Amino acid sequence: MVRHNWLKPRSEWTSEDKKKSSLDNVAWDILYKIIDKNTFSKIKMSSTTKEIWEKLIQICEGNDQTKENKLTVAMQKFENLKMKAGETLSEFDERFSSLGNELAALVKNMEIEK
């Protein structure tokens, strides 16, 4: 698999080219080590670390419609949030905080993109 689309032969690389290649190799290695088998099958044909990163963002965050659906579902969960029978106040507070953090993150990501 060709990972670099260098415009010049390796023998003509400058020290800056070598540095970029080295950093790319480190990033490549890290991404491949942390990706599970299912996700790996979706990114294995990528030829650059930038392509891998962009595909991972798409896989993890989804498109605009997916993001809006996630926000809608989280808002519905929040609106229907009730303390469960036998649940302690501490457990309820943990669920409440977790859902609030999820909503805040979704809203923040949507605001950043606009």
N, C-alpha and C. Protein backbone atom coordinates (compact mmCIF):
# COMPACT_ATOMS: atom_id res chain seq x y z
N MET A 1 0.84 -1.18 0.00
CA MET A 1 0.00 0.00 0.00
C MET A 1 0.89 1.24 0.00
N VAL A 2 0.63 2.15 -0.90
CA VAL A 2 1.40 3.39 -0.97
C VAL A 2 0.81 4.38 0.00
N ARG A 3 1.64 4.88 0.90
CA ARG A 3 1.13 5.78 1.91
C ARG A 3 1.41 7.23 1.59
N HIS A 4 2.42 7.48 0.81
CA HIS A 4 2.79 8.87 0.55
C HIS A 4 2.67 9.17 -0.94
N ASN A 5 2.20 10.32 -1.23
CA ASN A 5 2.11 10.77 -2.61
C ASN A 5 3.16 11.85 -2.83
N TRP A 6 4.41 11.49 -2.56
CA TRP A 6 5.48 12.47 -2.69
C TRP A 6 5.70 12.81 -4.15
N LEU A 7 5.96 14.05 -4.42
CA LEU A 7 6.18 14.51 -5.78
C LEU A 7 7.62 14.33 -6.23
N LYS A 8 8.50 14.02 -5.33
CA LYS A 8 9.90 13.83 -5.70
C LYS A 8 10.43 12.55 -5.07
N PRO A 9 11.47 11.98 -5.68
CA PRO A 9 12.04 10.74 -5.13
C PRO A 9 12.61 10.96 -3.73
N ARG A 10 12.63 9.89 -2.96
CA ARG A 10 13.11 9.97 -1.58
C ARG A 10 14.54 10.51 -1.50
N SER A 11 15.33 10.21 -2.48
CA SER A 11 16.73 10.67 -2.48
C SER A 11 16.83 12.20 -2.56
N GLU A 12 15.76 12.86 -2.98
CA GLU A 12 15.76 14.33 -3.11
C GLU A 12 15.03 15.03 -1.96
N TRP A 13 14.61 14.27 -0.96
CA TRP A 13 13.89 14.87 0.16
C TRP A 13 14.78 15.82 0.94
N THR A 14 14.16 16.90 1.38
CA THR A 14 14.85 17.83 2.27
C THR A 14 14.68 17.35 3.70
N SER A 15 15.34 18.01 4.62
CA SER A 15 15.18 17.63 6.03
C SER A 15 13.73 17.84 6.48
N GLU A 16 13.08 18.84 5.92
CA GLU A 16 11.66 19.09 6.23
C GLU A 16 10.78 17.94 5.73
N ASP A 17 11.06 17.45 4.52
CA ASP A 17 10.32 16.31 3.97
C ASP A 17 10.49 15.08 4.86
N LYS A 18 11.72 14.85 5.30
CA LYS A 18 12.02 13.70 6.16
C LYS A 18 11.29 13.82 7.50
N LYS A 19 11.25 15.04 8.03
CA LYS A 19 10.56 15.28 9.31
C LYS A 19 9.05 15.00 9.15
N LYS A 20 8.47 15.50 8.06
CA LYS A 20 7.05 15.28 7.81
C LYS A 20 6.74 13.80 7.65
N SER A 21 7.62 13.10 6.94
CA SER A 21 7.43 11.66 6.75
C SER A 21 7.51 10.92 8.07
N SER A 22 8.45 11.32 8.91
CA SER A 22 8.60 10.68 10.21
C SER A 22 7.36 10.90 11.08
N LEU A 23 6.86 12.13 11.11
CA LEU A 23 5.66 12.43 11.89
C LEU A 23 4.45 11.68 11.33
N ASP A 24 4.37 11.58 10.01
CA ASP A 24 3.29 10.85 9.38
C ASP A 24 3.34 9.38 9.78
N ASN A 25 4.54 8.81 9.81
CA ASN A 25 4.71 7.41 10.21
C ASN A 25 4.28 7.19 11.66
N VAL A 26 4.61 8.12 12.53
CA VAL A 26 4.22 8.01 13.94
C VAL A 26 2.69 8.06 14.05
N ALA A 27 2.08 9.02 13.38
CA ALA A 27 0.61 9.15 13.42
C ALA A 27 -0.04 7.90 12.84
N TRP A 28 0.49 7.42 11.73
CA TRP A 28 -0.03 6.21 11.08
C TRP A 28 0.00 5.04 12.06
N ASP A 29 1.13 4.86 12.71
CA ASP A 29 1.32 3.77 13.65
C ASP A 29 0.33 3.86 14.82
N ILE A 30 0.18 5.04 15.37
CA ILE A 30 -0.75 5.24 16.50
C ILE A 30 -2.18 4.92 16.08
N LEU A 31 -2.60 5.45 14.95
CA LEU A 31 -3.97 5.21 14.49
C LEU A 31 -4.23 3.73 14.26
N TYR A 32 -3.30 3.05 13.64
CA TYR A 32 -3.50 1.63 13.37
C TYR A 32 -3.50 0.79 14.63
N LYS A 33 -2.78 1.22 15.66
CA LYS A 33 -2.74 0.45 16.90
C LYS A 33 -4.02 0.61 17.73
N ILE A 34 -4.69 1.76 17.63
CA ILE A 34 -5.85 1.99 18.48
C ILE A 34 -7.19 1.67 17.82
N ILE A 35 -7.19 1.37 16.54
CA ILE A 35 -8.43 1.14 15.81
C ILE A 35 -8.84 -0.33 15.92
N ASP A 36 -10.11 -0.57 16.25
CA ASP A 36 -10.61 -1.94 16.35
C ASP A 36 -10.77 -2.54 14.95
N LYS A 37 -10.96 -3.85 14.88
CA LYS A 37 -11.01 -4.57 13.59
C LYS A 37 -12.14 -4.07 12.70
N ASN A 38 -13.29 -3.79 13.27
CA ASN A 38 -14.43 -3.34 12.49
C ASN A 38 -14.13 -1.99 11.84
N THR A 39 -13.59 -1.07 12.60
CA THR A 39 -13.26 0.26 12.07
C THR A 39 -12.09 0.16 11.09
N PHE A 40 -11.14 -0.71 11.40
CA PHE A 40 -9.97 -0.87 10.53
C PHE A 40 -10.40 -1.23 9.11
N SER A 41 -11.41 -2.09 9.00
CA SER A 41 -11.86 -2.50 7.66
C SER A 41 -12.41 -1.32 6.87
N LYS A 42 -12.85 -0.28 7.55
CA LYS A 42 -13.41 0.89 6.88
C LYS A 42 -12.34 1.91 6.47
N ILE A 43 -11.16 1.82 7.07
CA ILE A 43 -10.13 2.82 6.79
C ILE A 43 -8.87 2.23 6.15
N LYS A 44 -8.82 0.92 6.00
CA LYS A 44 -7.57 0.27 5.58
C LYS A 44 -7.11 0.68 4.18
N MET A 45 -7.98 1.16 3.34
CA MET A 45 -7.58 1.55 1.99
C MET A 45 -7.13 3.02 1.91
N SER A 46 -7.12 3.71 3.02
CA SER A 46 -6.67 5.10 3.05
C SER A 46 -5.18 5.15 2.77
N SER A 47 -4.76 6.15 2.01
CA SER A 47 -3.35 6.23 1.65
C SER A 47 -2.58 7.26 2.47
N THR A 48 -3.28 8.06 3.25
CA THR A 48 -2.60 9.04 4.09
C THR A 48 -3.24 9.06 5.48
N THR A 49 -2.49 9.56 6.44
CA THR A 49 -3.05 9.67 7.79
C THR A 49 -4.19 10.68 7.81
N LYS A 50 -4.10 11.68 6.96
CA LYS A 50 -5.18 12.68 6.90
C LYS A 50 -6.48 12.01 6.44
N GLU A 51 -6.40 11.14 5.43
CA GLU A 51 -7.58 10.41 4.98
C GLU A 51 -8.16 9.55 6.10
N ILE A 52 -7.26 8.87 6.82
CA ILE A 52 -7.70 8.03 7.94
C ILE A 52 -8.45 8.88 8.96
N TRP A 53 -7.85 10.02 9.32
CA TRP A 53 -8.45 10.89 10.32
C TRP A 53 -9.83 11.38 9.88
N GLU A 54 -9.94 11.79 8.61
CA GLU A 54 -11.23 12.29 8.10
C GLU A 54 -12.29 11.19 8.11
N LYS A 55 -11.89 9.96 7.75
CA LYS A 55 -12.85 8.85 7.78
C LYS A 55 -13.27 8.53 9.21
N LEU A 56 -12.32 8.59 10.14
CA LEU A 56 -12.66 8.33 11.54
C LEU A 56 -13.64 9.37 12.08
N ILE A 57 -13.44 10.63 11.70
CA ILE A 57 -14.38 11.68 12.12
C ILE A 57 -15.76 11.37 11.58
N GLN A 58 -15.84 10.99 10.31
CA GLN A 58 -17.13 10.68 9.69
C GLN A 58 -17.78 9.47 10.38
N ILE A 59 -16.98 8.45 10.67
CA ILE A 59 -17.50 7.24 11.31
C ILE A 59 -18.01 7.55 12.71
N CYS A 60 -17.23 8.30 13.47
CA CYS A 60 -17.57 8.55 14.88
C CYS A 60 -18.63 9.62 15.07
N GLU A 61 -18.56 10.66 14.27
CA GLU A 61 -19.49 11.77 14.46
C GLU A 61 -20.69 11.71 13.53
N GLY A 62 -20.52 11.13 12.36
CA GLY A 62 -21.60 11.05 11.40
C GLY A 62 -21.79 12.35 10.64
N ASN A 63 -22.77 12.35 9.76
CA ASN A 63 -23.06 13.56 8.98
C ASN A 63 -24.00 14.46 9.78
N ASP A 64 -24.39 15.57 9.19
CA ASP A 64 -25.23 16.54 9.89
C ASP A 64 -26.55 15.93 10.36
N GLN A 65 -27.16 15.07 9.52
CA GLN A 65 -28.43 14.45 9.88
C GLN A 65 -28.24 13.54 11.09
N THR A 66 -27.16 12.78 11.10
CA THR A 66 -26.87 11.89 12.23
C THR A 66 -26.68 12.68 13.51
N LYS A 67 -25.95 13.79 13.41
CA LYS A 67 -25.70 14.64 14.58
C LYS A 67 -27.01 15.21 15.12
N GLU A 68 -27.88 15.65 14.22
CA GLU A 68 -29.17 16.19 14.67
C GLU A 68 -30.03 15.10 15.31
N ASN A 69 -29.97 13.89 14.75
CA ASN A 69 -30.71 12.77 15.34
C ASN A 69 -30.19 12.45 16.74
N LYS A 70 -28.86 12.45 16.91
CA LYS A 70 -28.28 12.20 18.23
C LYS A 70 -28.74 13.25 19.23
N LEU A 71 -28.79 14.51 18.79
CA LEU A 71 -29.23 15.60 19.66
C LEU A 71 -30.70 15.43 20.03
N THR A 72 -31.52 15.07 19.07
CA THR A 72 -32.95 14.86 19.32
C THR A 72 -33.17 13.73 20.32
N VAL A 73 -32.45 12.62 20.14
CA VAL A 73 -32.59 11.49 21.05
C VAL A 73 -32.13 11.88 22.46
N ALA A 74 -31.02 12.60 22.55
CA ALA A 74 -30.51 13.02 23.87
C ALA A 74 -31.50 13.97 24.54
N MET A 75 -32.10 14.87 23.76
CA MET A 75 -33.07 15.80 24.34
C MET A 75 -34.31 15.05 24.83
N GLN A 76 -34.75 14.04 24.08
CA GLN A 76 -35.89 13.24 24.51
C GLN A 76 -35.58 12.48 25.80
N LYS A 77 -34.36 11.93 25.88
CA LYS A 77 -33.94 11.25 27.11
C LYS A 77 -33.97 12.22 28.28
N PHE A 78 -33.49 13.43 28.03
CA PHE A 78 -33.44 14.45 29.09
C PHE A 78 -34.85 14.81 29.54
N GLU A 79 -35.75 15.02 28.58
CA GLU A 79 -37.14 15.39 28.90
C GLU A 79 -37.86 14.28 29.66
N ASN A 80 -37.50 13.03 29.40
CA ASN A 80 -38.16 11.89 30.03
C ASN A 80 -37.39 11.36 31.25
N LEU A 81 -36.37 12.07 31.65
CA LEU A 81 -35.53 11.62 32.75
C LEU A 81 -36.31 11.61 34.07
N LYS A 82 -36.36 10.45 34.68
CA LYS A 82 -37.03 10.30 35.97
C LYS A 82 -36.18 9.38 36.81
N MET A 83 -36.30 9.53 38.08
CA MET A 83 -35.59 8.66 39.00
C MET A 83 -36.23 7.28 38.97
N LYS A 84 -35.38 6.24 38.85
CA LYS A 84 -35.87 4.87 38.79
C LYS A 84 -36.15 4.35 40.19
N ALA A 85 -37.04 3.38 40.26
CA ALA A 85 -37.34 2.76 41.56
C ALA A 85 -36.08 2.10 42.09
N GLY A 86 -35.76 2.38 43.32
CA GLY A 86 -34.58 1.80 43.95
C GLY A 86 -33.28 2.52 43.63
N GLU A 87 -33.36 3.54 42.82
CA GLU A 87 -32.15 4.29 42.45
C GLU A 87 -31.83 5.32 43.54
N THR A 88 -30.57 5.40 43.89
CA THR A 88 -30.17 6.39 44.89
C THR A 88 -30.08 7.76 44.24
N LEU A 89 -30.11 8.77 45.07
CA LEU A 89 -29.97 10.13 44.56
C LEU A 89 -28.63 10.31 43.86
N SER A 90 -27.61 9.68 44.38
CA SER A 90 -26.27 9.75 43.78
C SER A 90 -26.27 9.11 42.39
N GLU A 91 -26.92 7.97 42.23
CA GLU A 91 -27.00 7.30 40.93
C GLU A 91 -27.79 8.14 39.93
N PHE A 92 -28.89 8.72 40.41
CA PHE A 92 -29.68 9.59 39.53
C PHE A 92 -28.88 10.81 39.12
N ASP A 93 -28.17 11.39 40.07
CA ASP A 93 -27.35 12.56 39.77
C ASP A 93 -26.28 12.21 38.73
N GLU A 94 -25.72 11.02 38.82
CA GLU A 94 -24.71 10.58 37.85
C GLU A 94 -25.32 10.47 36.45
N ARG A 95 -26.51 9.87 36.35
CA ARG A 95 -27.19 9.77 35.05
C ARG A 95 -27.55 11.15 34.51
N PHE A 96 -28.03 12.01 35.39
CA PHE A 96 -28.40 13.38 35.01
C PHE A 96 -27.18 14.13 34.48
N SER A 97 -26.09 14.06 35.20
CA SER A 97 -24.86 14.75 34.80
C SER A 97 -24.32 14.20 33.48
N SER A 98 -24.35 12.88 33.34
CA SER A 98 -23.86 12.24 32.12
C SER A 98 -24.67 12.70 30.91
N LEU A 99 -25.97 12.73 31.06
CA LEU A 99 -26.84 13.17 29.97
C LEU A 99 -26.65 14.66 29.68
N GLY A 100 -26.50 15.45 30.71
CA GLY A 100 -26.23 16.88 30.52
C GLY A 100 -24.92 17.10 29.78
N ASN A 101 -23.89 16.34 30.13
CA ASN A 101 -22.60 16.46 29.44
C ASN A 101 -22.71 16.03 27.99
N GLU A 102 -23.48 14.97 27.74
CA GLU A 102 -23.69 14.51 26.37
C GLU A 102 -24.38 15.59 25.53
N LEU A 103 -25.42 16.19 26.09
CA LEU A 103 -26.14 17.26 25.39
C LEU A 103 -25.22 18.46 25.13
N ALA A 104 -24.46 18.85 26.13
CA ALA A 104 -23.54 19.99 25.98
C ALA A 104 -22.52 19.74 24.89
N ALA A 105 -21.97 18.51 24.84
CA ALA A 105 -20.98 18.17 23.82
C ALA A 105 -21.59 18.19 22.43
N LEU A 106 -22.80 17.65 22.29
CA LEU A 106 -23.47 17.64 20.99
C LEU A 106 -23.74 19.07 20.51
N VAL A 107 -24.25 19.90 21.39
CA VAL A 107 -24.55 21.29 21.03
C VAL A 107 -23.26 22.04 20.68
N LYS A 108 -22.23 21.84 21.48
CA LYS A 108 -20.95 22.51 21.22
C LYS A 108 -20.39 22.12 19.87
N ASN A 109 -20.41 20.82 19.54
CA ASN A 109 -19.91 20.37 18.24
C ASN A 109 -20.71 20.96 17.09
N MET A 110 -22.01 21.09 17.26
CA MET A 110 -22.84 21.66 16.20
C MET A 110 -22.56 23.15 16.04
N GLU A 111 -22.32 23.84 17.16
CA GLU A 111 -22.01 25.28 17.10
C GLU A 111 -20.67 25.53 16.45
N ILE A 112 -19.69 24.68 16.72
CA ILE A 112 -18.35 24.85 16.16
C ILE A 112 -18.39 24.71 14.64
N GLU A 113 -19.23 23.80 14.15
CA GLU A 113 -19.30 23.55 12.71
C GLU A 113 -20.01 24.64 11.95
N LYS A 114 -20.81 25.44 12.64
CA LYS A 114 -21.59 26.49 11.94
C LYS A 114 -20.82 27.75 11.80
